[in-house]
Protein backbone atom coordinates (compact mmCIF):
# COMPACT_ATOMS: atom_id res chain seq x y z
CA MET A 1 137.08 67.45 147.00
CA LYS A 2 138.03 70.85 144.92
CA PHE A 3 138.84 70.56 141.27
CA LYS A 4 142.37 72.05 141.85
CA GLN A 5 142.95 69.67 144.29
CA LEU A 6 141.86 66.95 142.26
CA MET A 7 144.13 68.04 139.22
CA HIS A 8 147.49 68.01 141.62
CA GLU A 9 146.62 64.36 143.08
CA TRP A 10 146.39 63.43 139.29
CA GLN A 11 149.28 65.28 138.41
CA GLY A 12 151.33 63.53 141.16
CA TYR A 13 150.06 60.21 140.10
CA ILE A 14 151.06 60.60 136.79
CA MET A 15 154.58 62.01 137.49
CA THR A 16 154.89 58.76 139.94
CA GLY A 17 154.28 56.64 136.94
CA ILE A 18 156.78 58.49 134.51
CA SER A 19 159.67 58.63 137.69
CA TYR A 20 159.15 54.50 137.46
CA MET A 21 159.24 54.62 133.80
CA ILE A 22 162.38 56.78 133.27
CA PRO A 23 164.89 53.74 134.18
CA THR A 24 162.87 51.42 131.98
CA ILE A 25 163.10 53.51 129.05
CA ILE A 26 166.72 54.68 129.66
CA GLY A 27 168.04 51.22 130.42
CA GLY A 28 166.12 49.75 127.15
CA ALA A 29 167.39 52.53 125.16
CA LEU A 30 170.88 52.13 126.13
CA ILE A 31 170.79 48.39 125.18
CA VAL A 32 169.07 49.13 121.90
CA GLY A 33 171.56 52.04 121.05
CA VAL A 34 175.20 50.27 121.89
CA PRO A 35 175.07 47.15 120.04
CA GLN A 36 174.06 49.12 117.22
CA LEU A 37 176.92 51.71 117.79
CA ILE A 38 179.08 48.66 117.97
CA GLY A 39 177.58 47.59 114.54
CA MET A 40 178.10 50.99 112.66
CA ALA A 41 181.50 50.63 114.02
CA CYS A 42 182.03 47.73 112.00
CA GLY A 43 179.92 48.68 109.19
CA VAL A 44 176.93 47.19 109.85
CA ASP A 45 173.97 49.51 109.83
CA ASN A 46 171.17 47.11 110.26
CA LEU A 47 171.36 44.07 112.82
CA ASN A 48 168.09 43.00 111.83
CA LYS A 49 169.66 41.01 108.79
CA PHE A 50 171.25 38.98 111.46
CA ALA A 51 168.30 37.51 113.43
CA LYS A 52 169.07 34.24 111.89
CA ALA A 53 172.59 34.16 111.84
CA THR A 54 175.37 33.07 113.81
CA GLY A 55 178.44 35.11 115.25
CA PHE A 56 179.41 38.23 116.41
CA PHE A 57 176.62 40.30 115.00
CA HIS A 58 174.03 37.79 115.75
CA MET A 59 175.07 38.19 119.27
CA LEU A 60 174.68 41.78 119.00
CA TYR A 61 171.25 41.46 117.49
CA GLN A 62 170.28 39.44 120.61
CA VAL A 63 171.43 42.06 122.96
CA ASN A 64 169.67 44.83 120.84
CA GLN A 65 166.47 42.86 120.95
CA VAL A 66 166.54 43.16 124.93
CA GLY A 67 166.62 46.69 125.05
CA TRP A 68 163.72 46.68 122.63
CA ILE A 69 161.75 44.57 125.14
CA GLY A 70 162.71 47.36 127.76
CA ILE A 71 161.47 50.07 125.70
CA GLY A 72 158.41 47.75 124.87
CA LEU A 73 157.36 47.91 128.87
CA VAL A 74 156.89 51.56 128.74
CA ASN A 75 153.02 51.33 128.73
CA LEU A 76 152.98 48.59 131.27
CA VAL A 77 155.33 50.34 133.84
CA ILE A 78 153.09 53.74 133.45
CA GLY A 79 149.90 52.02 133.79
CA GLY A 80 151.37 50.05 136.82
CA TYR A 81 152.71 52.40 138.86
CA ILE A 82 149.94 55.25 138.23
CA ALA A 83 147.48 52.40 139.89
CA TYR A 84 149.98 51.55 142.86
CA ALA A 85 150.28 55.45 143.14
CA ILE A 86 146.52 55.64 143.89
CA GLY A 87 145.55 52.26 145.37
CA ASP A 88 148.71 50.93 146.57
CA LYS A 89 150.23 47.37 146.01
CA PRO A 90 146.56 45.93 145.01
CA ALA A 91 146.29 47.80 142.00
CA LEU A 92 149.56 47.06 140.44
CA GLY A 93 148.89 43.87 139.15
CA ALA A 94 145.60 45.09 137.28
CA GLY A 95 147.74 48.56 136.34
CA PHE A 96 150.25 46.46 134.82
CA ILE A 97 147.66 44.50 132.71
CA GLY A 98 145.95 47.36 131.60
CA GLY A 99 149.77 48.94 130.40
CA GLN A 100 150.19 45.65 128.31
CA LEU A 101 146.74 45.76 126.87
CA ALA A 102 147.15 49.60 125.82
CA THR A 103 150.16 48.42 124.09
CA ASN A 104 148.80 45.42 122.42
CA THR A 105 145.73 47.32 120.98
CA GLN A 106 147.28 50.31 119.93
CA GLN A 107 146.03 52.46 122.90
CA GLY A 108 149.44 53.98 123.90
CA PHE A 109 150.21 55.91 126.80
CA ILE A 110 146.87 57.38 126.81
CA GLY A 111 145.51 54.22 127.37
CA ALA A 112 148.00 53.13 129.83
CA MET A 113 147.11 56.39 132.20
CA VAL A 114 143.31 55.46 131.68
CA ALA A 115 144.25 51.78 133.04
CA GLY A 116 146.37 52.93 135.69
CA PHE A 117 143.67 55.19 137.21
CA VAL A 118 140.89 53.05 136.69
CA ALA A 119 142.77 50.26 138.55
CA GLY A 120 143.88 52.46 141.25
CA TYR A 121 140.49 53.89 142.12
CA VAL A 122 139.03 50.72 142.07
CA ALA A 123 141.76 49.14 144.64
CA ARG A 124 141.17 52.35 146.78
CA PHE A 125 137.34 51.35 146.83
CA CYS A 126 137.86 47.99 147.72
CA ARG A 127 140.10 49.09 150.73
CA LYS A 128 137.85 51.45 151.90
CA LYS A 129 134.21 50.23 151.31
CA ILE A 130 134.52 46.27 151.37
CA HIS A 131 134.73 45.47 155.14
CA VAL A 132 134.21 41.68 156.28
CA PRO A 133 135.30 39.84 159.38
CA GLU A 134 139.09 39.69 159.82
CA LYS A 135 139.22 36.15 158.66
CA TRP A 136 138.00 36.77 155.22
CA ASN A 137 140.44 39.86 154.61
CA SER A 138 143.04 37.33 152.76
CA ALA A 139 140.15 36.29 150.34
CA ILE A 140 139.48 39.86 149.54
CA GLU A 141 142.93 40.75 148.93
CA LEU A 142 143.61 37.61 147.31
CA ILE A 143 140.51 37.07 144.93
CA VAL A 144 137.88 40.25 145.34
CA THR A 145 140.12 43.08 144.46
CA PRO A 146 142.33 41.29 141.80
CA LEU A 147 138.90 40.31 140.16
CA LEU A 148 137.27 43.97 140.42
CA THR A 149 140.35 45.77 139.18
CA THR A 150 141.32 43.56 136.73
CA GLY A 151 137.83 43.33 135.57
CA ALA A 152 137.27 46.93 135.49
CA VAL A 153 140.20 47.48 133.30
CA ALA A 154 139.24 44.78 131.00
CA ILE A 155 135.69 46.47 130.74
CA VAL A 156 136.75 49.97 130.50
CA ASN A 157 139.90 49.57 128.31
CA GLY A 158 139.22 46.20 126.95
CA LEU A 159 135.43 47.06 125.91
CA ILE A 160 134.06 50.49 126.29
CA LEU A 161 137.20 53.04 125.31
CA ASN A 162 139.23 50.48 123.20
CA ALA A 163 138.42 51.85 119.78
CA PRO A 164 138.11 55.53 120.93
CA LEU A 165 141.66 55.19 122.96
CA ALA A 166 143.17 53.68 120.05
CA TRP A 167 141.84 56.13 117.33
CA ILE A 168 143.41 58.84 119.65
CA ASN A 169 146.59 57.54 120.10
CA THR A 170 146.72 56.67 116.43
CA SER A 171 145.79 59.74 115.47
CA LEU A 172 148.15 61.69 117.70
CA ILE A 173 151.30 59.56 116.41
CA ALA A 174 149.87 60.58 112.78
CA TRP A 175 149.79 64.29 113.84
CA VAL A 176 153.39 64.12 115.37
CA LYS A 177 154.97 62.30 112.40
CA ALA A 178 153.21 65.05 109.90
CA MET A 179 154.74 67.84 112.08
CA VAL A 180 158.08 66.22 112.30
CA ASN A 181 157.98 65.74 108.45
CA SER A 182 157.20 69.92 108.07
CA HIS A 183 160.07 71.99 108.43
CA THR A 184 157.50 75.02 109.87
CA ASN A 185 155.63 72.66 111.82
CA GLY A 186 158.55 70.71 113.34
CA LEU A 187 160.18 73.98 114.27
CA ILE A 188 156.89 74.80 116.18
CA LEU A 189 157.18 71.31 117.89
CA ALA A 190 160.70 72.05 118.63
CA LEU A 191 160.10 75.12 120.07
CA ILE A 192 157.43 74.38 122.43
CA MET A 193 159.20 70.95 123.71
CA GLY A 194 162.51 72.78 124.30
CA GLY A 195 160.91 75.75 126.15
CA MET A 196 158.85 73.39 128.15
CA ILE A 197 162.29 71.79 129.38
CA GLY A 198 163.17 75.08 131.02
CA VAL A 199 160.03 75.74 132.68
CA ASP A 200 160.84 74.16 135.82
CA LEU A 201 164.32 72.25 135.57
CA GLY A 202 162.78 68.58 136.27
CA GLY A 203 159.45 69.39 137.39
CA PRO A 204 156.12 68.14 136.21
CA VAL A 205 156.06 70.51 132.82
CA ASN A 206 160.04 69.36 132.11
CA LYS A 207 159.01 65.83 132.63
CA ALA A 208 155.71 65.81 130.61
CA ALA A 209 157.69 67.38 127.73
CA TRP A 210 160.54 64.69 128.26
CA ALA A 211 158.17 61.77 128.68
CA THR A 212 156.06 62.85 125.61
CA GLY A 213 159.31 62.53 123.40
CA ASN A 214 160.08 59.15 124.53
CA PHE A 215 156.56 57.88 124.33
CA PHE A 216 157.09 57.71 120.53
CA PHE A 217 159.89 55.19 120.65
CA LEU A 218 157.94 52.41 119.81
CA GLU A 219 156.43 54.09 116.79
CA GLY A 220 160.04 54.77 115.67
CA VAL A 221 159.35 58.59 115.95
CA TYR A 222 162.66 60.04 117.63
CA LYS A 223 162.99 63.72 116.74
CA PRO A 224 160.64 64.94 119.70
CA CYS A 225 162.91 63.42 121.80
CA LEU A 226 166.16 64.79 120.20
CA TYR A 227 164.31 68.24 120.90
CA THR A 228 164.25 67.54 124.46
CA ASN A 229 167.76 65.99 124.83
CA ILE A 230 169.13 69.26 123.07
CA ALA A 231 167.37 71.39 126.03
CA ILE A 232 167.98 69.24 128.87
CA CYS A 233 171.70 69.01 128.56
CA ALA A 234 172.32 72.61 127.14
CA ILE A 235 170.39 74.35 129.83
CA PRO A 236 172.86 73.56 132.93
CA LEU A 237 175.75 73.60 130.35
CA GLY A 238 175.14 77.44 129.84
CA TYR A 239 175.29 77.83 133.61
CA ALA A 240 178.54 76.39 133.61
CA LEU A 241 179.79 77.97 130.64
CA MET A 242 178.66 81.70 132.09
CA THR A 243 181.52 81.01 134.70
CA PHE A 244 184.05 80.74 132.10
CA ILE A 245 183.01 83.74 129.79
CA TRP A 246 182.47 86.20 132.78
CA PRO A 247 184.95 87.22 135.23
CA LYS A 248 184.66 85.25 138.63
CA LYS A 249 183.94 88.06 140.78
CA LYS A 250 180.11 88.15 138.98
CA PHE A 251 179.52 85.21 141.10
CA SER A 252 179.45 84.24 144.78
CA PRO A 253 181.82 81.54 145.61
CA GLN A 254 178.99 79.26 146.06
CA LEU A 255 177.03 79.71 142.98
CA TYR A 256 180.57 79.93 140.87
CA GLU A 257 181.14 76.23 142.05
CA MET A 258 177.93 75.10 141.40
CA GLY A 259 178.13 76.48 137.95
CA ARG A 260 181.42 74.76 137.45
CA THR A 261 179.78 71.42 138.67
CA ASN A 262 177.15 71.79 135.83
CA LEU A 263 179.88 70.81 133.43
CA ILE A 264 179.01 67.26 134.68
CA ASN A 265 175.17 67.88 135.23
CA GLY A 266 174.96 69.17 131.28
CA THR A 267 176.68 65.88 130.42
CA PHE A 268 174.76 63.77 131.77
CA GLY A 269 171.28 65.63 131.28
CA ILE A 270 170.61 66.87 134.53
CA THR A 271 168.70 70.13 134.36
CA GLU A 272 168.30 70.07 138.12
CA GLY A 273 171.86 71.41 138.29
CA ALA A 274 170.22 75.02 136.88
CA ILE A 275 167.68 74.87 140.06
CA PRO A 276 170.08 77.04 142.67
CA PHE A 277 170.50 79.82 139.72
CA TRP A 278 167.05 79.86 139.74
CA MET A 279 166.24 79.96 143.07
CA LYS A 280 168.36 82.74 143.35
CA ALA A 281 166.34 84.74 140.56
CA PRO A 282 163.17 83.47 139.54
CA GLN A 283 163.19 85.42 136.76
CA LEU A 284 165.65 83.37 134.97
CA ILE A 285 162.69 80.79 133.82
CA PHE A 286 162.40 83.14 130.99
CA VAL A 287 165.93 82.71 130.05
CA ASN A 288 165.82 79.27 130.50
CA VAL A 289 162.55 78.79 128.70
CA ILE A 290 163.94 80.91 125.69
CA GLY A 291 167.32 79.14 125.66
CA GLY A 292 165.55 75.64 125.56
CA ALA A 293 163.28 76.59 122.61
CA LEU A 294 166.17 78.29 120.95
CA GLY A 295 168.46 75.21 121.06
CA ALA A 296 165.60 72.80 120.13
CA GLY A 297 164.84 75.22 117.02
CA VAL A 298 168.47 75.74 115.88
CA GLY A 299 168.70 71.77 116.16
CA GLU A 300 165.32 71.43 114.15
CA LEU A 301 166.67 73.92 111.52
CA MET A 302 169.85 72.35 111.09
CA GLY A 303 167.86 68.85 110.34
CA VAL A 304 168.67 67.01 113.72
CA SER A 305 167.66 63.56 113.33
CA SER A 306 168.60 59.75 114.81
CA HIS A 307 167.51 56.20 112.79
CA ILE A 308 167.67 54.55 116.63
CA PRO A 309 166.69 55.64 119.98
CA PRO A 310 168.74 58.54 120.67
CA LEU A 311 170.87 58.77 123.75
CA GLY A 312 170.71 61.72 125.75
CA GLY A 313 173.13 64.28 127.01
CA ILE A 314 176.62 64.78 125.41
CA PRO A 315 176.35 61.14 124.64
CA GLY A 316 173.35 61.74 122.29
CA ILE A 317 176.28 62.76 119.74
CA LEU A 318 176.75 58.94 119.24
CA THR A 319 173.32 58.19 118.16
CA ALA A 320 172.73 61.70 116.26
CA ASP A 321 172.40 60.92 112.69
CA ASN A 322 173.33 64.74 112.12
CA ILE A 323 176.21 65.42 114.63
CA PRO A 324 176.56 69.36 113.68
CA ALA A 325 172.95 69.75 113.99
CA TYR A 326 172.91 68.24 117.64
CA VAL A 327 175.92 70.39 118.76
CA CYS A 328 175.09 73.48 117.26
CA GLY A 329 171.53 73.39 118.98
CA ILE A 330 173.32 72.47 122.39
CA LEU A 331 175.87 75.44 121.92
CA ALA A 332 172.92 77.73 120.77
CA CYS A 333 171.10 77.26 124.17
CA ALA A 334 174.37 77.02 126.11
CA LEU A 335 175.57 80.26 124.99
CA PHE A 336 172.34 82.19 125.16
CA ILE A 337 172.22 81.31 128.55
CA ALA A 338 175.70 81.72 129.48
CA ILE A 339 175.65 85.32 128.00
CA VAL A 340 172.10 86.48 129.24
CA ALA A 341 171.73 84.92 132.53
CA PRO A 342 174.16 87.56 134.36
CA LEU A 343 172.70 90.36 132.62
CA VAL A 344 169.07 89.61 134.11
CA ALA A 345 170.34 88.26 137.80
CA ASN A 346 172.81 89.33 140.37
CA PHE A 347 174.93 86.23 141.18
CA THR A 348 177.19 88.00 143.56
CA GLU A 349 175.49 87.63 146.72
CA ASP A 350 173.47 84.96 148.47
CA ASN A 351 169.70 85.66 149.11
CA GLY A 352 169.68 84.81 152.72
CA LYS A 353 169.13 81.14 152.35
CA GLN A 354 172.29 79.05 151.64
CA ILE A 355 171.71 76.68 148.91
CA SER A 356 173.54 73.73 148.81
CA GLU A 357 173.76 70.69 146.20
CA ASP A 358 171.85 68.44 149.09
CA ASP A 359 168.77 70.68 148.75
CA ILE A 360 168.59 69.82 145.18
CA LYS A 361 166.84 66.62 144.43
CA LEU A 362 168.71 65.51 141.17
CA ASP A 363 166.35 63.12 138.72
CA ILE A 364 168.60 62.00 136.09
CA THR A 365 166.44 62.22 132.29
CA THR A 366 169.39 61.44 130.11
CA GLU A 367 166.92 60.62 127.26
């Protein structure tokens, strides 16, 4: 197998894991955030002090802890569904075990991905290479494959790579924490992550940036996620805003309506809403990348922050500690795209192929 083909396959497996992880992290973050927002509205900033109390705030605390359980499952889901993408259902259990092992031993998402690949490829090997009489097939599926897949994960992740993967993960976390605590390095990180969101609008590069921000939730590091949240909602909002700034005659009827629809897409962080414009004029990738970087950079320069897992899109205002920084970051990106995009692209004519919203596979990444 050629190296390029192998890399493409691995990318697909990782994206599968991330796609399954998205609802887990979103659900967990929402159930963490909503009770904390209710508590803050009632003058309570920390629900943990009600852990052993009774009454309304204790109930908020209990609901809040359910959300943290969801966030804590991120590595388990990543490991399990990477394994599933490679080796199908026989790999799933070992992938889940490896993902949880990665959490328990501080191997982080890197360890979870390694476990997913190990479990997946061992399960694939069992399916292709172990041939027995038909009456023994159930024994292979119920005993041999689980033994080999879980055993491989135990040896690779639990013994051989335990210390190295834990060191890599803790070093990475320390590095990111140091970057976000430094205005200069924090700005560089914001520019990179915001720009990555604009590269492919929901594709692998976009998802990699978004997932990277969310992987640090367990460590209480939220700034990387805020950088991507700004760009995720601001890019489609930019294409919506341009239909209000520029005359209607600057757009074909189809693209004009899609621009207005991006008011909804941007509000909830659906970057795929910008794809019809990018398909019309591929050079807009540069506008999207610069816009995403600009928005995240402005947010960082103004001190965007959050002390709880931040929500995405416009609802992210509720979880931002520095609301003006979050809003100004969104406005900077949206205004840049709204002003510049029609200067570098012609939106008045269709390019031969009718683009409809049904052609765009939306993938909501609101965190």
